[in-house]
Amino acid sequence: MAAPLVEMSGIEMHFGSVTALAGVDFSVGEAEVVGLLGDNGAGKSTLIKILSGAIRPTAGDIRFKGSTVRFRSTRDAIDAGIETIYQDSALVEQMSIGRNLFLGREPTRSIGPLRDIDRKYVREQTRELMNRVGIMKALDPDTPIGRLSGGERQAIAIARAMFFEADLIIMDEPTNNLGVEEAEGVMRFIREAKEAGHSSILISHNIHHVFMVVDRVVVLRHGLKVGDLNRSETSIQQVEELITATARGATW
């Protein structure tokens, strides 16, 4: 059996006297979509911030692609192959679609003794990526992000992760405040990412959305992992009971 893409073992996080995570084990397989669920304060965001390099754990180990890693920053995680897509997509509204797609990793070309952004390449790749993630209407790559709908912004953020061949795409509440059609579009993008060989972690309060796309569900409660279940072998009701601690035995 192949080793998981991600293995987080015994992860602990303390903020002074507050324990945010207490010995959590978490894994994601190759081309697997894992739903990370739990009520507010369960520890989901803390776990993801650790995996994305935003904060360092108090204790525990992380293995990524078979090697032990110690991310000192989000750039370390990005360079390793982990992209995180937050609810606000972390896009710059005043910049164009193309500039946002390549932000921080702009392709350049020589102009005499100088180098400048290869704008032709950016526009060509942007059009191709928009088609790939299902934005079929004729959007100019120079269109400012601020003119896009919420679903289109999510699509651009996911396209960026796919273009730079992220091994793991983390999505934190990607459908929050989106309309029905736009939320369905995000679900489609997650499936397409899986088909392209990318693994994903989906954090969402909408369990119905999670069950549409995930292979496995991990539930946290008060900093502890209380459930790790195959979607095909569980139900929305069982997961809801775990989240609210009404399940018999309280841990599966």
Protein backbone atom coordinates (compact mmCIF):
# COMPACT_ATOMS: atom_id res chain seq x y z
CA MET A 1 0.00 0.00 0.00
CA ALA A 2 1.33 3.44 -0.98
CA ALA A 3 2.16 5.85 1.82
CA PRO A 4 -0.31 8.72 2.34
CA LEU A 5 0.43 12.04 0.69
CA VAL A 6 0.04 13.74 4.09
CA GLU A 7 0.67 12.22 7.51
CA MET A 8 0.23 14.42 10.58
CA SER A 9 1.02 12.55 13.80
CA GLY A 10 0.42 13.59 17.41
CA ILE A 11 -0.22 17.22 16.51
CA GLU A 12 -0.59 19.46 19.53
CA MET A 13 -1.14 23.20 19.65
CA HIS A 14 -1.23 25.25 22.84
CA PHE A 15 -1.94 28.95 23.07
CA GLY A 16 -0.93 29.70 26.64
CA SER A 17 -3.27 27.67 28.83
CA VAL A 18 -5.63 26.94 25.92
CA THR A 19 -5.25 23.62 24.11
CA ALA A 20 -6.40 23.96 20.50
CA LEU A 21 -5.24 20.49 19.40
CA ALA A 22 -4.46 17.51 21.58
CA GLY A 23 -2.54 14.71 19.87
CA VAL A 24 -4.37 14.74 16.53
CA ASP A 25 -3.48 12.26 13.79
CA PHE A 26 -4.61 13.24 10.29
CA SER A 27 -3.81 11.88 6.85
CA VAL A 28 -4.71 12.40 3.20
CA GLY A 29 -4.07 9.83 0.49
CA GLU A 30 -3.04 10.33 -3.12
CA ALA A 31 -5.91 11.79 -5.21
CA GLU A 32 -8.17 11.64 -2.14
CA VAL A 33 -10.69 14.25 -1.01
CA VAL A 34 -11.04 14.47 2.76
CA GLY A 35 -13.73 16.48 4.53
CA LEU A 36 -12.55 18.10 7.78
CA LEU A 37 -15.56 18.85 9.94
CA GLY A 38 -16.34 20.10 13.43
CA ASP A 39 -18.14 22.86 15.25
CA ASN A 40 -16.63 26.29 15.85
CA GLY A 41 -13.58 25.93 18.10
CA ALA A 42 -13.07 22.26 17.20
CA GLY A 43 -9.54 22.88 15.93
CA LYS A 44 -10.06 22.65 12.17
CA SER A 45 -8.55 26.01 11.28
CA THR A 46 -5.61 25.47 13.62
CA LEU A 47 -4.81 22.11 12.03
CA ILE A 48 -4.96 23.61 8.54
CA LYS A 49 -2.83 26.60 9.52
CA ILE A 50 -0.17 24.17 10.73
CA LEU A 51 -0.30 22.14 7.53
CA SER A 52 -0.18 25.28 5.35
CA GLY A 53 2.81 26.69 7.25
CA ALA A 54 1.00 29.64 8.82
CA ILE A 55 1.80 28.50 12.38
CA ARG A 56 4.10 25.90 13.91
CA PRO A 57 2.73 23.14 16.15
CA THR A 58 3.68 22.83 19.81
CA ALA A 59 4.36 19.14 19.22
CA GLY A 60 3.92 16.47 16.56
CA ASP A 61 5.33 15.46 13.20
CA ILE A 62 4.31 16.09 9.59
CA ARG A 63 5.28 13.91 6.65
CA PHE A 64 4.54 15.08 3.12
CA LYS A 65 5.21 12.92 0.07
CA GLY A 66 7.07 10.49 2.30
CA SER A 67 9.47 12.97 3.90
CA THR A 68 9.36 14.72 7.26
CA VAL A 69 8.77 18.46 6.81
CA ARG A 70 8.94 21.48 9.09
CA PHE A 71 7.26 24.41 7.39
CA ARG A 72 8.52 27.76 8.66
CA SER A 73 6.14 29.79 6.49
CA THR A 74 3.30 29.50 4.01
CA ARG A 75 5.89 29.92 1.24
CA ASP A 76 7.59 26.71 2.43
CA ALA A 77 4.28 24.87 2.13
CA ILE A 78 3.53 26.35 -1.30
CA ASP A 79 6.98 25.41 -2.55
CA ALA A 80 6.42 21.86 -1.28
CA GLY A 81 3.17 21.58 -3.24
CA ILE A 82 0.41 22.73 -0.86
CA GLU A 83 -2.02 25.47 -1.92
CA THR A 84 -4.64 26.86 0.47
CA ILE A 85 -7.81 28.50 -0.84
CA TYR A 86 -9.59 30.56 1.79
CA GLN A 87 -13.16 31.78 1.81
CA ASP A 88 -12.08 35.15 0.40
CA SER A 89 -9.84 33.36 -2.14
CA ALA A 90 -6.85 35.54 -1.08
CA LEU A 91 -7.09 37.39 -4.39
CA VAL A 92 -6.21 41.04 -5.03
CA GLU A 93 -9.38 42.73 -6.28
CA GLN A 94 -7.58 45.60 -8.03
CA MET A 95 -5.36 43.25 -10.06
CA SER A 96 -6.37 41.41 -13.22
CA ILE A 97 -7.33 37.76 -13.45
CA GLY A 98 -4.01 36.98 -15.12
CA ARG A 99 -1.90 38.81 -12.53
CA ASN A 100 -3.74 37.02 -9.72
CA LEU A 101 -3.16 33.63 -11.30
CA PHE A 102 0.60 34.21 -11.43
CA LEU A 103 0.97 36.47 -8.38
CA GLY A 104 4.40 35.93 -6.87
CA ARG A 105 5.36 33.52 -9.66
CA GLU A 106 5.18 35.78 -12.70
CA PRO A 107 6.75 34.41 -15.89
CA THR A 108 9.27 36.81 -17.39
CA ARG A 109 10.97 37.43 -20.72
CA SER A 110 14.06 39.36 -21.74
CA ILE A 111 13.71 42.83 -23.24
CA GLY A 112 17.24 43.81 -24.12
CA PRO A 113 19.26 43.82 -20.90
CA LEU A 114 16.08 43.87 -18.77
CA ARG A 115 13.41 41.34 -17.84
CA ASP A 116 9.68 42.01 -17.72
CA ILE A 117 6.48 40.00 -17.16
CA ASP A 118 5.61 37.89 -20.19
CA ARG A 119 2.12 39.34 -20.59
CA LYS A 120 1.34 37.38 -23.77
CA TYR A 121 2.06 34.09 -22.00
CA VAL A 122 0.00 35.18 -18.98
CA ARG A 123 -3.03 36.02 -21.17
CA GLU A 124 -2.80 32.78 -23.15
CA GLN A 125 -2.50 30.60 -20.05
CA THR A 126 -5.27 32.51 -18.28
CA ARG A 127 -7.74 31.85 -21.12
CA GLU A 128 -6.83 28.18 -21.15
CA LEU A 129 -7.17 27.86 -17.37
CA MET A 130 -10.54 29.62 -17.29
CA ASN A 131 -11.87 27.10 -19.81
CA ARG A 132 -10.36 24.26 -17.81
CA VAL A 133 -12.20 25.20 -14.63
CA GLY A 134 -15.48 25.88 -16.38
CA ILE A 135 -15.53 29.65 -16.87
CA MET A 136 -16.81 29.49 -20.42
CA LYS A 137 -17.93 33.09 -20.91
CA ALA A 138 -15.55 35.43 -22.69
CA LEU A 139 -13.72 37.09 -19.82
CA ASP A 140 -10.73 39.20 -20.73
CA PRO A 141 -7.65 38.06 -18.75
CA ASP A 142 -7.07 41.75 -17.97
CA THR A 143 -10.45 41.98 -16.16
CA PRO A 144 -9.99 43.06 -12.51
CA ILE A 145 -10.85 40.34 -9.98
CA GLY A 146 -13.23 42.79 -8.30
CA ARG A 147 -15.65 42.43 -11.24
CA LEU A 148 -16.02 38.65 -10.86
CA SER A 149 -18.72 36.75 -8.99
CA GLY A 150 -17.88 34.76 -5.88
CA GLY A 151 -17.96 31.48 -7.78
CA GLU A 152 -15.69 32.84 -10.51
CA ARG A 153 -13.19 34.01 -7.90
CA GLN A 154 -13.14 30.55 -6.34
CA ALA A 155 -12.61 29.08 -9.80
CA ILE A 156 -9.62 31.37 -10.38
CA ALA A 157 -8.09 30.40 -7.02
CA ILE A 158 -8.54 26.69 -7.80
CA ALA A 159 -7.15 27.19 -11.31
CA ARG A 160 -4.03 28.75 -9.80
CA ALA A 161 -3.52 25.73 -7.55
CA MET A 162 -4.03 23.32 -10.46
CA PHE A 163 -1.76 25.24 -12.85
CA PHE A 164 1.14 25.18 -10.43
CA GLU A 165 0.49 21.46 -9.94
CA ALA A 166 -0.19 21.57 -6.22
CA ASP A 167 -0.21 18.06 -4.82
CA LEU A 168 -2.62 19.14 -2.08
CA ILE A 169 -5.36 21.77 -2.35
CA ILE A 170 -6.86 22.95 0.95
CA MET A 171 -10.25 24.67 0.70
CA ASP A 172 -11.56 26.53 3.75
CA GLU A 173 -15.31 27.17 3.49
CA PRO A 174 -15.16 27.57 -0.32
CA THR A 175 -18.96 27.65 -0.77
CA ASN A 176 -19.79 30.03 2.06
CA ASN A 177 -21.98 32.93 0.84
CA LEU A 178 -22.18 31.49 -2.69
CA GLY A 179 -25.38 30.93 -4.64
CA VAL A 180 -26.59 27.45 -5.55
CA GLU A 181 -25.13 27.51 -9.07
CA GLU A 182 -21.78 28.87 -7.91
CA ALA A 183 -21.55 26.31 -5.08
CA GLU A 184 -22.23 23.52 -7.58
CA GLY A 185 -19.41 24.92 -9.68
CA VAL A 186 -16.99 24.67 -6.75
CA MET A 187 -18.04 21.06 -6.18
CA ARG A 188 -17.36 20.36 -9.85
CA PHE A 189 -13.89 21.90 -9.58
CA ILE A 190 -13.07 19.64 -6.62
CA ARG A 191 -14.06 16.56 -8.61
CA GLU A 192 -11.98 17.72 -11.58
CA ALA A 193 -8.97 18.32 -9.34
CA LYS A 194 -9.29 14.76 -8.03
CA GLU A 195 -9.54 13.38 -11.57
CA ALA A 196 -6.36 15.31 -12.41
CA GLY A 197 -4.57 13.55 -9.54
CA HIS A 198 -4.70 16.30 -6.92
CA SER A 199 -5.63 15.59 -3.29
CA SER A 200 -7.92 17.99 -1.44
CA ILE A 201 -9.04 18.88 2.05
CA LEU A 202 -12.49 20.45 2.26
CA ILE A 203 -13.53 22.38 5.36
CA SER A 204 -17.18 23.31 5.40
CA HIS A 205 -20.16 23.76 7.72
CA ASN A 206 -22.35 22.47 4.90
CA ILE A 207 -22.25 18.70 5.41
CA HIS A 208 -24.40 18.14 2.31
CA HIS A 209 -21.73 19.79 0.15
CA VAL A 210 -19.03 17.71 1.82
CA PHE A 211 -20.87 14.45 1.15
CA MET A 212 -21.18 15.36 -2.52
CA VAL A 213 -17.43 15.15 -3.17
CA VAL A 214 -15.36 13.61 -0.37
CA ASP A 215 -13.99 10.10 -0.02
CA ARG A 216 -13.53 10.32 3.74
CA VAL A 217 -14.70 12.47 6.65
CA VAL A 218 -12.59 13.44 9.67
CA VAL A 219 -14.39 15.04 12.63
CA LEU A 220 -12.72 17.16 15.32
CA ARG A 221 -14.29 18.17 18.61
CA HIS A 222 -12.60 20.30 21.28
CA GLY A 223 -9.18 19.69 19.76
CA LEU A 224 -9.56 15.91 19.53
CA LYS A 225 -10.18 13.68 16.54
CA VAL A 226 -13.45 11.88 17.26
CA GLY A 227 -14.21 10.40 13.84
CA ASP A 228 -12.43 9.13 10.72
CA LEU A 229 -15.01 7.58 8.42
CA ASN A 230 -15.37 6.49 4.81
CA ARG A 231 -18.18 8.50 3.27
CA SER A 232 -19.69 5.37 1.69
CA GLU A 233 -19.94 3.71 5.11
CA THR A 234 -21.50 6.53 7.09
CA SER A 235 -24.38 9.01 6.92
CA ILE A 236 -24.88 12.72 7.36
CA GLN A 237 -26.82 12.02 10.56
CA GLN A 238 -23.96 10.00 12.04
CA VAL A 239 -21.48 12.77 11.28
CA GLU A 240 -23.80 15.40 12.76
CA GLU A 241 -24.05 13.32 15.93
CA LEU A 242 -20.27 13.16 16.18
CA ILE A 243 -19.96 16.91 15.74
CA THR A 244 -22.51 17.58 18.47
CA ALA A 245 -21.31 14.73 20.75
CA THR A 246 -24.66 12.96 20.71
CA ALA A 247 -23.30 9.77 19.13
CA ARG A 248 -23.19 6.69 21.33
CA GLY A 249 -19.62 6.35 22.56
CA ALA A 250 -18.90 9.82 21.11
CA THR A 251 -15.92 8.57 19.03
CA TRP A 252 -15.78 6.44 15.87
